[in-house]
mmCIF file of all heavy atoms, coordinates in Angstrom:
data_MODEL
# 
_entry.id   MODEL 
# 
loop_
_atom_site.group_PDB 
_atom_site.id 
_atom_site.type_symbol 
_atom_site.label_atom_id 
_atom_site.label_alt_id 
_atom_site.label_comp_id 
_atom_site.label_asym_id 
_atom_site.label_entity_id 
_atom_site.label_seq_id 
_atom_site.pdbx_PDB_ins_code 
_atom_site.Cartn_x 
_atom_site.Cartn_y 
_atom_site.Cartn_z 
_atom_site.occupancy 
_atom_site.B_iso_or_equiv 
_atom_site.pdbx_formal_charge 
_atom_site.auth_seq_id 
_atom_site.auth_comp_id 
_atom_site.auth_asym_id 
_atom_site.auth_atom_id 
_atom_site.pdbx_PDB_model_num 
ATOM 1   N N   . MET A 1 1  ? 53.747 -50.695 36.262 1.00 0.00 ? 1  MET A N   1 
ATOM 2   C CA  . MET A 1 1  ? 52.673 -50.898 37.216 1.00 0.00 ? 1  MET A CA  1 
ATOM 3   C C   . MET A 1 1  ? 52.778 -49.794 38.255 1.00 0.00 ? 1  MET A C   1 
ATOM 4   O O   . MET A 1 1  ? 53.856 -49.274 38.510 1.00 0.00 ? 1  MET A O   1 
ATOM 5   C CB  . MET A 1 1  ? 52.755 -52.268 37.883 1.00 0.00 ? 1  MET A CB  1 
ATOM 6   C CG  . MET A 1 1  ? 52.568 -53.432 36.922 1.00 0.00 ? 1  MET A CG  1 
ATOM 7   S SD  . MET A 1 1  ? 52.582 -55.052 37.730 1.00 0.00 ? 1  MET A SD  1 
ATOM 8   C CE  . MET A 1 1  ? 50.977 -55.024 38.551 1.00 0.00 ? 1  MET A CE  1 
ATOM 9   N N   . GLY A 1 2  ? 51.647 -49.464 38.836 1.00 0.00 ? 2  GLY A N   1 
ATOM 10  C CA  . GLY A 1 2  ? 51.663 -48.386 39.800 1.00 0.00 ? 2  GLY A CA  1 
ATOM 11  C C   . GLY A 1 2  ? 50.530 -48.461 40.793 1.00 0.00 ? 2  GLY A C   1 
ATOM 12  O O   . GLY A 1 2  ? 49.635 -49.307 40.688 1.00 0.00 ? 2  GLY A O   1 
ATOM 13  N N   . TRP A 1 3  ? 50.605 -47.563 41.753 1.00 0.00 ? 3  TRP A N   1 
ATOM 14  C CA  . TRP A 1 3  ? 49.594 -47.448 42.786 1.00 0.00 ? 3  TRP A CA  1 
ATOM 15  C C   . TRP A 1 3  ? 48.976 -46.067 42.767 1.00 0.00 ? 3  TRP A C   1 
ATOM 16  O O   . TRP A 1 3  ? 49.688 -45.063 42.660 1.00 0.00 ? 3  TRP A O   1 
ATOM 17  C CB  . TRP A 1 3  ? 50.190 -47.709 44.171 1.00 0.00 ? 3  TRP A CB  1 
ATOM 18  C CG  . TRP A 1 3  ? 50.604 -49.124 44.394 1.00 0.00 ? 3  TRP A CG  1 
ATOM 19  C CD1 . TRP A 1 3  ? 51.838 -49.664 44.229 1.00 0.00 ? 3  TRP A CD1 1 
ATOM 20  C CD2 . TRP A 1 3  ? 49.752 -50.186 44.833 1.00 0.00 ? 3  TRP A CD2 1 
ATOM 21  N NE1 . TRP A 1 3  ? 51.820 -51.004 44.536 1.00 0.00 ? 3  TRP A NE1 1 
ATOM 22  C CE2 . TRP A 1 3  ? 50.548 -51.350 44.909 1.00 0.00 ? 3  TRP A CE2 1 
ATOM 23  C CE3 . TRP A 1 3  ? 48.400 -50.269 45.169 1.00 0.00 ? 3  TRP A CE3 1 
ATOM 24  C CZ2 . TRP A 1 3  ? 50.040 -52.587 45.310 1.00 0.00 ? 3  TRP A CZ2 1 
ATOM 25  C CZ3 . TRP A 1 3  ? 47.892 -51.494 45.560 1.00 0.00 ? 3  TRP A CZ3 1 
ATOM 26  C CH2 . TRP A 1 3  ? 48.709 -52.630 45.630 1.00 0.00 ? 3  TRP A CH2 1 
ATOM 27  N N   . TYR A 1 4  ? 47.670 -46.020 42.869 1.00 0.00 ? 4  TYR A N   1 
ATOM 28  C CA  . TYR A 1 4  ? 46.910 -44.795 42.988 1.00 0.00 ? 4  TYR A CA  1 
ATOM 29  C C   . TYR A 1 4  ? 46.025 -44.915 44.219 1.00 0.00 ? 4  TYR A C   1 
ATOM 30  O O   . TYR A 1 4  ? 45.746 -46.013 44.688 1.00 0.00 ? 4  TYR A O   1 
ATOM 31  C CB  . TYR A 1 4  ? 46.046 -44.560 41.750 1.00 0.00 ? 4  TYR A CB  1 
ATOM 32  C CG  . TYR A 1 4  ? 46.836 -44.307 40.482 1.00 0.00 ? 4  TYR A CG  1 
ATOM 33  C CD1 . TYR A 1 4  ? 47.537 -45.332 39.857 1.00 0.00 ? 4  TYR A CD1 1 
ATOM 34  C CD2 . TYR A 1 4  ? 46.869 -43.044 39.911 1.00 0.00 ? 4  TYR A CD2 1 
ATOM 35  C CE1 . TYR A 1 4  ? 48.260 -45.111 38.700 1.00 0.00 ? 4  TYR A CE1 1 
ATOM 36  C CE2 . TYR A 1 4  ? 47.584 -42.804 38.745 1.00 0.00 ? 4  TYR A CE2 1 
ATOM 37  C CZ  . TYR A 1 4  ? 48.276 -43.836 38.145 1.00 0.00 ? 4  TYR A CZ  1 
ATOM 38  O OH  . TYR A 1 4  ? 48.983 -43.606 36.996 1.00 0.00 ? 4  TYR A OH  1 
ATOM 39  N N   . ARG A 1 5  ? 45.582 -43.791 44.725 1.00 0.00 ? 5  ARG A N   1 
ATOM 40  C CA  . ARG A 1 5  ? 44.700 -43.840 45.877 1.00 0.00 ? 5  ARG A CA  1 
ATOM 41  C C   . ARG A 1 5  ? 43.606 -42.794 45.755 1.00 0.00 ? 5  ARG A C   1 
ATOM 42  O O   . ARG A 1 5  ? 43.764 -41.782 45.084 1.00 0.00 ? 5  ARG A O   1 
ATOM 43  C CB  . ARG A 1 5  ? 45.472 -43.639 47.185 1.00 0.00 ? 5  ARG A CB  1 
ATOM 44  C CG  . ARG A 1 5  ? 46.029 -42.238 47.393 1.00 0.00 ? 5  ARG A CG  1 
ATOM 45  C CD  . ARG A 1 5  ? 46.846 -42.171 48.664 1.00 0.00 ? 5  ARG A CD  1 
ATOM 46  N NE  . ARG A 1 5  ? 47.319 -40.828 48.944 1.00 0.00 ? 5  ARG A NE  1 
ATOM 47  C CZ  . ARG A 1 5  ? 48.116 -40.516 49.956 1.00 0.00 ? 5  ARG A CZ  1 
ATOM 48  N NH1 . ARG A 1 5  ? 48.533 -41.462 50.794 1.00 0.00 ? 5  ARG A NH1 1 
ATOM 49  N NH2 . ARG A 1 5  ? 48.495 -39.260 50.139 1.00 0.00 ? 5  ARG A NH2 1 
ATOM 50  N N   . GLN A 1 6  ? 42.501 -43.070 46.413 1.00 0.00 ? 6  GLN A N   1 
ATOM 51  C CA  . GLN A 1 6  ? 41.379 -42.158 46.409 1.00 0.00 ? 6  GLN A CA  1 
ATOM 52  C C   . GLN A 1 6  ? 40.782 -42.092 47.806 1.00 0.00 ? 6  GLN A C   1 
ATOM 53  O O   . GLN A 1 6  ? 40.266 -43.083 48.312 1.00 0.00 ? 6  GLN A O   1 
ATOM 54  C CB  . GLN A 1 6  ? 40.314 -42.579 45.400 1.00 0.00 ? 6  GLN A CB  1 
ATOM 55  C CG  . GLN A 1 6  ? 39.193 -41.571 45.232 1.00 0.00 ? 6  GLN A CG  1 
ATOM 56  C CD  . GLN A 1 6  ? 38.344 -41.851 44.008 1.00 0.00 ? 6  GLN A CD  1 
ATOM 57  O OE1 . GLN A 1 6  ? 38.302 -42.982 43.515 1.00 0.00 ? 6  GLN A OE1 1 
ATOM 58  N NE2 . GLN A 1 6  ? 37.674 -40.832 43.501 1.00 0.00 ? 6  GLN A NE2 1 
ATOM 59  N N   . ALA A 1 7  ? 40.879 -40.924 48.405 1.00 0.00 ? 7  ALA A N   1 
ATOM 60  C CA  . ALA A 1 7  ? 40.296 -40.682 49.711 1.00 0.00 ? 7  ALA A CA  1 
ATOM 61  C C   . ALA A 1 7  ? 38.859 -40.204 49.531 1.00 0.00 ? 7  ALA A C   1 
ATOM 62  O O   . ALA A 1 7  ? 38.501 -39.674 48.476 1.00 0.00 ? 7  ALA A O   1 
ATOM 63  C CB  . ALA A 1 7  ? 41.108 -39.644 50.474 1.00 0.00 ? 7  ALA A CB  1 
ATOM 64  N N   . PRO A 1 8  ? 38.023 -40.371 50.548 1.00 0.00 ? 8  PRO A N   1 
ATOM 65  C CA  . PRO A 1 8  ? 36.630 -39.919 50.443 1.00 0.00 ? 8  PRO A CA  1 
ATOM 66  C C   . PRO A 1 8  ? 36.533 -38.449 50.059 1.00 0.00 ? 8  PRO A C   1 
ATOM 67  O O   . PRO A 1 8  ? 37.170 -37.598 50.675 1.00 0.00 ? 8  PRO A O   1 
ATOM 68  C CB  . PRO A 1 8  ? 36.073 -40.161 51.846 1.00 0.00 ? 8  PRO A CB  1 
ATOM 69  C CG  . PRO A 1 8  ? 36.895 -41.285 52.379 1.00 0.00 ? 8  PRO A CG  1 
ATOM 70  C CD  . PRO A 1 8  ? 38.281 -41.031 51.842 1.00 0.00 ? 8  PRO A CD  1 
ATOM 71  N N   . GLY A 1 9  ? 35.744 -38.165 49.036 1.00 0.00 ? 9  GLY A N   1 
ATOM 72  C CA  . GLY A 1 9  ? 35.534 -36.801 48.600 1.00 0.00 ? 9  GLY A CA  1 
ATOM 73  C C   . GLY A 1 9  ? 36.668 -36.194 47.803 1.00 0.00 ? 9  GLY A C   1 
ATOM 74  O O   . GLY A 1 9  ? 36.625 -35.000 47.488 1.00 0.00 ? 9  GLY A O   1 
ATOM 75  N N   . LYS A 1 10 ? 37.678 -36.990 47.481 1.00 0.00 ? 10 LYS A N   1 
ATOM 76  C CA  . LYS A 1 10 ? 38.820 -36.471 46.737 1.00 0.00 ? 10 LYS A CA  1 
ATOM 77  C C   . LYS A 1 10 ? 39.035 -37.235 45.438 1.00 0.00 ? 10 LYS A C   1 
ATOM 78  O O   . LYS A 1 10 ? 38.484 -38.311 45.232 1.00 0.00 ? 10 LYS A O   1 
ATOM 79  C CB  . LYS A 1 10 ? 40.088 -36.528 47.591 1.00 0.00 ? 10 LYS A CB  1 
ATOM 80  C CG  . LYS A 1 10 ? 40.062 -35.603 48.792 1.00 0.00 ? 10 LYS A CG  1 
ATOM 81  C CD  . LYS A 1 10 ? 41.423 -35.513 49.447 1.00 0.00 ? 10 LYS A CD  1 
ATOM 82  C CE  . LYS A 1 10 ? 41.433 -34.490 50.561 1.00 0.00 ? 10 LYS A CE  1 
ATOM 83  N NZ  . LYS A 1 10 ? 42.781 -34.342 51.160 1.00 0.00 ? 10 LYS A NZ  1 
ATOM 84  N N   . GLN A 1 11 ? 39.851 -36.651 44.577 1.00 0.00 ? 11 GLN A N   1 
ATOM 85  C CA  . GLN A 1 11 ? 40.176 -37.263 43.300 1.00 0.00 ? 11 GLN A CA  1 
ATOM 86  C C   . GLN A 1 11 ? 41.175 -38.398 43.485 1.00 0.00 ? 11 GLN A C   1 
ATOM 87  O O   . GLN A 1 11 ? 41.949 -38.413 44.436 1.00 0.00 ? 11 GLN A O   1 
ATOM 88  C CB  . GLN A 1 11 ? 40.766 -36.221 42.347 1.00 0.00 ? 11 GLN A CB  1 
ATOM 89  C CG  . GLN A 1 11 ? 39.840 -35.066 42.011 1.00 0.00 ? 11 GLN A CG  1 
ATOM 90  C CD  . GLN A 1 11 ? 40.540 -34.008 41.200 1.00 0.00 ? 11 GLN A CD  1 
ATOM 91  O OE1 . GLN A 1 11 ? 41.672 -33.623 41.491 1.00 0.00 ? 11 GLN A OE1 1 
ATOM 92  N NE2 . GLN A 1 11 ? 39.875 -33.524 40.161 1.00 0.00 ? 11 GLN A NE2 1 
ATOM 93  N N   . ARG A 1 12 ? 41.142 -39.331 42.557 1.00 0.00 ? 12 ARG A N   1 
ATOM 94  C CA  . ARG A 1 12 ? 42.147 -40.374 42.559 1.00 0.00 ? 12 ARG A CA  1 
ATOM 95  C C   . ARG A 1 12 ? 43.493 -39.766 42.157 1.00 0.00 ? 12 ARG A C   1 
ATOM 96  O O   . ARG A 1 12 ? 43.574 -38.989 41.204 1.00 0.00 ? 12 ARG A O   1 
ATOM 97  C CB  . ARG A 1 12 ? 41.755 -41.492 41.590 1.00 0.00 ? 12 ARG A CB  1 
ATOM 98  C CG  . ARG A 1 12 ? 42.672 -42.693 41.639 1.00 0.00 ? 12 ARG A CG  1 
ATOM 99  C CD  . ARG A 1 12 ? 42.148 -43.842 40.782 1.00 0.00 ? 12 ARG A CD  1 
ATOM 100 N NE  . ARG A 1 12 ? 40.847 -44.317 41.238 1.00 0.00 ? 12 ARG A NE  1 
ATOM 101 C CZ  . ARG A 1 12 ? 40.259 -45.415 40.780 1.00 0.00 ? 12 ARG A CZ  1 
ATOM 102 N NH1 . ARG A 1 12 ? 40.852 -46.161 39.863 1.00 0.00 ? 12 ARG A NH1 1 
ATOM 103 N NH2 . ARG A 1 12 ? 39.059 -45.757 41.241 1.00 0.00 ? 12 ARG A NH2 1 
ATOM 104 N N   . GLU A 1 13 ? 44.536 -40.115 42.881 1.00 0.00 ? 13 GLU A N   1 
ATOM 105 C CA  . GLU A 1 13 ? 45.836 -39.527 42.638 1.00 0.00 ? 13 GLU A CA  1 
ATOM 106 C C   . GLU A 1 13 ? 46.930 -40.586 42.560 1.00 0.00 ? 13 GLU A C   1 
ATOM 107 O O   . GLU A 1 13 ? 46.827 -41.656 43.162 1.00 0.00 ? 13 GLU A O   1 
ATOM 108 C CB  . GLU A 1 13 ? 46.186 -38.516 43.735 1.00 0.00 ? 13 GLU A CB  1 
ATOM 109 C CG  . GLU A 1 13 ? 46.306 -39.129 45.120 1.00 0.00 ? 13 GLU A CG  1 
ATOM 110 C CD  . GLU A 1 13 ? 46.684 -38.125 46.195 1.00 0.00 ? 13 GLU A CD  1 
ATOM 111 O OE1 . GLU A 1 13 ? 46.975 -36.960 45.847 1.00 0.00 ? 13 GLU A OE1 1 
ATOM 112 O OE2 . GLU A 1 13 ? 46.683 -38.499 47.381 1.00 0.00 ? 13 GLU A OE2 1 
ATOM 113 N N   . LEU A 1 14 ? 47.967 -40.250 41.842 1.00 0.00 ? 14 LEU A N   1 
ATOM 114 C CA  . LEU A 1 14 ? 49.120 -41.137 41.724 1.00 0.00 ? 14 LEU A CA  1 
ATOM 115 C C   . LEU A 1 14 ? 49.873 -41.204 43.041 1.00 0.00 ? 14 LEU A C   1 
ATOM 116 O O   . LEU A 1 14 ? 50.142 -40.180 43.669 1.00 0.00 ? 14 LEU A O   1 
ATOM 117 C CB  . LEU A 1 14 ? 50.052 -40.635 40.624 1.00 0.00 ? 14 LEU A CB  1 
ATOM 118 C CG  . LEU A 1 14 ? 51.408 -41.343 40.526 1.00 0.00 ? 14 LEU A CG  1 
ATOM 119 C CD1 . LEU A 1 14 ? 51.227 -42.766 40.019 1.00 0.00 ? 14 LEU A CD1 1 
ATOM 120 C CD2 . LEU A 1 14 ? 52.351 -40.566 39.619 1.00 0.00 ? 14 LEU A CD2 1 
ATOM 121 N N   . VAL A 1 15 ? 50.228 -42.406 43.447 1.00 0.00 ? 15 VAL A N   1 
ATOM 122 C CA  . VAL A 1 15 ? 51.078 -42.616 44.602 1.00 0.00 ? 15 VAL A CA  1 
ATOM 123 C C   . VAL A 1 15 ? 52.500 -42.924 44.142 1.00 0.00 ? 15 VAL A C   1 
ATOM 124 O O   . VAL A 1 15 ? 53.453 -42.244 44.511 1.00 0.00 ? 15 VAL A O   1 
ATOM 125 C CB  . VAL A 1 15 ? 50.553 -43.754 45.493 1.00 0.00 ? 15 VAL A CB  1 
ATOM 126 C CG1 . VAL A 1 15 ? 51.532 -44.037 46.632 1.00 0.00 ? 15 VAL A CG1 1 
ATOM 127 C CG2 . VAL A 1 15 ? 49.178 -43.408 46.042 1.00 0.00 ? 15 VAL A CG2 1 
ATOM 128 N N   . ALA A 1 16 ? 52.628 -43.958 43.331 1.00 0.00 ? 16 ALA A N   1 
ATOM 129 C CA  . ALA A 1 16 ? 53.933 -44.356 42.823 1.00 0.00 ? 16 ALA A CA  1 
ATOM 130 C C   . ALA A 1 16 ? 53.760 -45.234 41.597 1.00 0.00 ? 16 ALA A C   1 
ATOM 131 O O   . ALA A 1 16 ? 52.734 -45.888 41.431 1.00 0.00 ? 16 ALA A O   1 
ATOM 132 C CB  . ALA A 1 16 ? 54.745 -45.089 43.889 1.00 0.00 ? 16 ALA A CB  1 
ATOM 133 N N   . ARG A 1 17 ? 54.774 -45.263 40.766 1.00 0.00 ? 17 ARG A N   1 
ATOM 134 C CA  . ARG A 1 17 ? 54.752 -46.041 39.539 1.00 0.00 ? 17 ARG A CA  1 
ATOM 135 C C   . ARG A 1 17 ? 56.147 -46.572 39.284 1.00 0.00 ? 17 ARG A C   1 
ATOM 136 O O   . ARG A 1 17 ? 57.142 -45.914 39.583 1.00 0.00 ? 17 ARG A O   1 
ATOM 137 C CB  . ARG A 1 17 ? 54.281 -45.159 38.380 1.00 0.00 ? 17 ARG A CB  1 
ATOM 138 C CG  . ARG A 1 17 ? 54.285 -45.791 37.005 1.00 0.00 ? 17 ARG A CG  1 
ATOM 139 C CD  . ARG A 1 17 ? 53.724 -44.808 35.989 1.00 0.00 ? 17 ARG A CD  1 
ATOM 140 N NE  . ARG A 1 17 ? 53.856 -45.265 34.617 1.00 0.00 ? 17 ARG A NE  1 
ATOM 141 C CZ  . ARG A 1 17 ? 54.913 -45.037 33.846 1.00 0.00 ? 17 ARG A CZ  1 
ATOM 142 N NH1 . ARG A 1 17 ? 55.939 -44.350 34.314 1.00 0.00 ? 17 ARG A NH1 1 
ATOM 143 N NH2 . ARG A 1 17 ? 54.933 -45.487 32.606 1.00 0.00 ? 17 ARG A NH2 1 
ATOM 144 N N   . ILE A 1 18 ? 56.218 -47.763 38.712 1.00 0.00 ? 18 ILE A N   1 
ATOM 145 C CA  . ILE A 1 18 ? 57.511 -48.361 38.404 1.00 0.00 ? 18 ILE A CA  1 
ATOM 146 C C   . ILE A 1 18 ? 57.438 -49.060 37.056 1.00 0.00 ? 18 ILE A C   1 
ATOM 147 O O   . ILE A 1 18 ? 56.468 -49.752 36.743 1.00 0.00 ? 18 ILE A O   1 
ATOM 148 C CB  . ILE A 1 18 ? 57.963 -49.335 39.516 1.00 0.00 ? 18 ILE A CB  1 
ATOM 149 C CG1 . ILE A 1 18 ? 59.388 -49.820 39.268 1.00 0.00 ? 18 ILE A CG1 1 
ATOM 150 C CG2 . ILE A 1 18 ? 56.996 -50.503 39.652 1.00 0.00 ? 18 ILE A CG2 1 
ATOM 151 C CD1 . ILE A 1 18 ? 59.998 -50.532 40.462 1.00 0.00 ? 18 ILE A CD1 1 
ATOM 152 N N   . THR A 1 19 ? 58.460 -48.881 36.241 1.00 0.00 ? 19 THR A N   1 
ATOM 153 C CA  . THR A 1 19 ? 58.523 -49.519 34.937 1.00 0.00 ? 19 THR A CA  1 
ATOM 154 C C   . THR A 1 19 ? 59.156 -50.895 35.070 1.00 0.00 ? 19 THR A C   1 
ATOM 155 O O   . THR A 1 19 ? 59.702 -51.262 36.109 1.00 0.00 ? 19 THR A O   1 
ATOM 156 C CB  . THR A 1 19 ? 59.325 -48.682 33.939 1.00 0.00 ? 19 THR A CB  1 
ATOM 157 O OG1 . THR A 1 19 ? 60.709 -48.683 34.317 1.00 0.00 ? 19 THR A OG1 1 
ATOM 158 C CG2 . THR A 1 19 ? 58.814 -47.252 33.899 1.00 0.00 ? 19 THR A CG2 1 
ATOM 159 N N   . SER A 1 20 ? 59.107 -51.652 33.994 1.00 0.00 ? 20 SER A N   1 
ATOM 160 C CA  . SER A 1 20 ? 59.691 -52.986 34.000 1.00 0.00 ? 20 SER A CA  1 
ATOM 161 C C   . SER A 1 20 ? 61.205 -52.952 34.183 1.00 0.00 ? 20 SER A C   1 
ATOM 162 O O   . SER A 1 20 ? 61.789 -53.936 34.656 1.00 0.00 ? 20 SER A O   1 
ATOM 163 C CB  . SER A 1 20 ? 59.342 -53.730 32.707 1.00 0.00 ? 20 SER A CB  1 
ATOM 164 O OG  . SER A 1 20 ? 59.830 -53.036 31.573 1.00 0.00 ? 20 SER A OG  1 
ATOM 165 N N   . SER A 1 21 ? 61.828 -51.845 33.829 1.00 0.00 ? 21 SER A N   1 
ATOM 166 C CA  . SER A 1 21 ? 63.267 -51.710 33.982 1.00 0.00 ? 21 SER A CA  1 
ATOM 167 C C   . SER A 1 21 ? 63.667 -51.161 35.347 1.00 0.00 ? 21 SER A C   1 
ATOM 168 O O   . SER A 1 21 ? 64.851 -51.081 35.656 1.00 0.00 ? 21 SER A O   1 
ATOM 169 C CB  . SER A 1 21 ? 63.838 -50.812 32.886 1.00 0.00 ? 21 SER A CB  1 
ATOM 170 O OG  . SER A 1 21 ? 63.316 -49.506 32.975 1.00 0.00 ? 21 SER A OG  1 
ATOM 171 N N   . GLY A 1 22 ? 62.685 -50.760 36.144 1.00 0.00 ? 22 GLY A N   1 
ATOM 172 C CA  . GLY A 1 22 ? 62.974 -50.308 37.487 1.00 0.00 ? 22 GLY A CA  1 
ATOM 173 C C   . GLY A 1 22 ? 62.912 -48.816 37.725 1.00 0.00 ? 22 GLY A C   1 
ATOM 174 O O   . GLY A 1 22 ? 63.138 -48.367 38.857 1.00 0.00 ? 22 GLY A O   1 
ATOM 175 N N   . SER A 1 23 ? 62.622 -48.034 36.705 1.00 0.00 ? 23 SER A N   1 
ATOM 176 C CA  . SER A 1 23 ? 62.482 -46.597 36.894 1.00 0.00 ? 23 SER A CA  1 
ATOM 177 C C   . SER A 1 23 ? 61.238 -46.306 37.718 1.00 0.00 ? 23 SER A C   1 
ATOM 178 O O   . SER A 1 23 ? 60.189 -46.903 37.499 1.00 0.00 ? 23 SER A O   1 
ATOM 179 C CB  . SER A 1 23 ? 62.392 -45.876 35.553 1.00 0.00 ? 23 SER A CB  1 
ATOM 180 O OG  . SER A 1 23 ? 63.580 -46.041 34.810 1.00 0.00 ? 23 SER A OG  1 
ATOM 181 N N   . THR A 1 24 ? 61.353 -45.376 38.648 1.00 0.00 ? 24 THR A N   1 
ATOM 182 C CA  . THR A 1 24 ? 60.248 -45.076 39.551 1.00 0.00 ? 24 THR A CA  1 
ATOM 183 C C   . THR A 1 24 ? 59.804 -43.634 39.454 1.00 0.00 ? 24 THR A C   1 
ATOM 184 O O   . THR A 1 24 ? 60.568 -42.749 39.066 1.00 0.00 ? 24 THR A O   1 
ATOM 185 C CB  . THR A 1 24 ? 60.623 -45.383 41.006 1.00 0.00 ? 24 THR A CB  1 
ATOM 186 O OG1 . THR A 1 24 ? 61.783 -44.620 41.370 1.00 0.00 ? 24 THR A OG1 1 
ATOM 187 C CG2 . THR A 1 24 ? 60.923 -46.859 41.184 1.00 0.00 ? 24 THR A CG2 1 
ATOM 188 N N   . ASN A 1 25 ? 58.565 -43.423 39.841 1.00 0.00 ? 25 ASN A N   1 
ATOM 189 C CA  . ASN A 1 25 ? 57.978 -42.092 39.876 1.00 0.00 ? 25 ASN A CA  1 
ATOM 190 C C   . ASN A 1 25 ? 57.066 -42.027 41.095 1.00 0.00 ? 25 ASN A C   1 
ATOM 191 O O   . ASN A 1 25 ? 56.197 -42.882 41.259 1.00 0.00 ? 25 ASN A O   1 
ATOM 192 C CB  . ASN A 1 25 ? 57.197 -41.816 38.594 1.00 0.00 ? 25 ASN A CB  1 
ATOM 193 C CG  . ASN A 1 25 ? 56.634 -40.418 38.544 1.00 0.00 ? 25 ASN A CG  1 
ATOM 194 O OD1 . ASN A 1 25 ? 57.250 -39.480 39.040 1.00 0.00 ? 25 ASN A OD1 1 
ATOM 195 N ND2 . ASN A 1 25 ? 55.466 -40.270 37.937 1.00 0.00 ? 25 ASN A ND2 1 
ATOM 196 N N   . TYR A 1 26 ? 57.281 -41.019 41.940 1.00 0.00 ? 26 TYR A N   1 
ATOM 197 C CA  . TYR A 1 26 ? 56.500 -40.867 43.159 1.00 0.00 ? 26 TYR A CA  1 
ATOM 198 C C   . TYR A 1 26 ? 55.804 -39.521 43.204 1.00 0.00 ? 26 TYR A C   1 
ATOM 199 O O   . TYR A 1 26 ? 56.297 -38.535 42.643 1.00 0.00 ? 26 TYR A O   1 
ATOM 200 C CB  . TYR A 1 26 ? 57.393 -40.955 44.400 1.00 0.00 ? 26 TYR A CB  1 
ATOM 201 C CG  . TYR A 1 26 ? 58.042 -42.285 44.653 1.00 0.00 ? 26 TYR A CG  1 
ATOM 202 C CD1 . TYR A 1 26 ? 59.288 -42.583 44.115 1.00 0.00 ? 26 TYR A CD1 1 
ATOM 203 C CD2 . TYR A 1 26 ? 57.423 -43.236 45.453 1.00 0.00 ? 26 TYR A CD2 1 
ATOM 204 C CE1 . TYR A 1 26 ? 59.896 -43.799 44.360 1.00 0.00 ? 26 TYR A CE1 1 
ATOM 205 C CE2 . TYR A 1 26 ? 58.028 -44.452 45.706 1.00 0.00 ? 26 TYR A CE2 1 
ATOM 206 C CZ  . TYR A 1 26 ? 59.270 -44.726 45.156 1.00 0.00 ? 26 TYR A CZ  1 
ATOM 207 O OH  . TYR A 1 26 ? 59.871 -45.935 45.410 1.00 0.00 ? 26 TYR A OH  1 
ATOM 208 N N   . ALA A 1 27 ? 54.699 -39.492 43.896 1.00 0.00 ? 27 ALA A N   1 
ATOM 209 C CA  . ALA A 1 27 ? 54.124 -38.207 44.255 1.00 0.00 ? 27 ALA A CA  1 
ATOM 210 C C   . ALA A 1 27 ? 55.130 -37.497 45.163 1.00 0.00 ? 27 ALA A C   1 
ATOM 211 O O   . ALA A 1 27 ? 55.692 -38.121 46.066 1.00 0.00 ? 27 ALA A O   1 
ATOM 212 C CB  . ALA A 1 27 ? 52.799 -38.393 44.978 1.00 0.00 ? 27 ALA A CB  1 
ATOM 213 N N   . ASP A 1 28 ? 55.360 -36.217 44.906 1.00 0.00 ? 28 ASP A N   1 
ATOM 214 C CA  . ASP A 1 28 ? 56.390 -35.487 45.644 1.00 0.00 ? 28 ASP A CA  1 
ATOM 215 C C   . ASP A 1 28 ? 56.185 -35.546 47.154 1.00 0.00 ? 28 ASP A C   1 
ATOM 216 O O   . ASP A 1 28 ? 57.150 -35.657 47.916 1.00 0.00 ? 28 ASP A O   1 
ATOM 217 C CB  . ASP A 1 28 ? 56.429 -34.029 45.191 1.00 0.00 ? 28 ASP A CB  1 
ATOM 218 C CG  . ASP A 1 28 ? 56.999 -33.866 43.801 1.00 0.00 ? 28 ASP A CG  1 
ATOM 219 O OD1 . ASP A 1 28 ? 57.709 -34.780 43.331 1.00 0.00 ? 28 ASP A OD1 1 
ATOM 220 O OD2 . ASP A 1 28 ? 56.747 -32.817 43.183 1.00 0.00 ? 28 ASP A OD2 1 
# 
């Protein structure tokens, strides 16, 4: 599961993601 965001006039982008085992991935 993860979170994405979209600001006005911008593309939707990845914020953070986490797997069922706990591995995470963040926007730098």
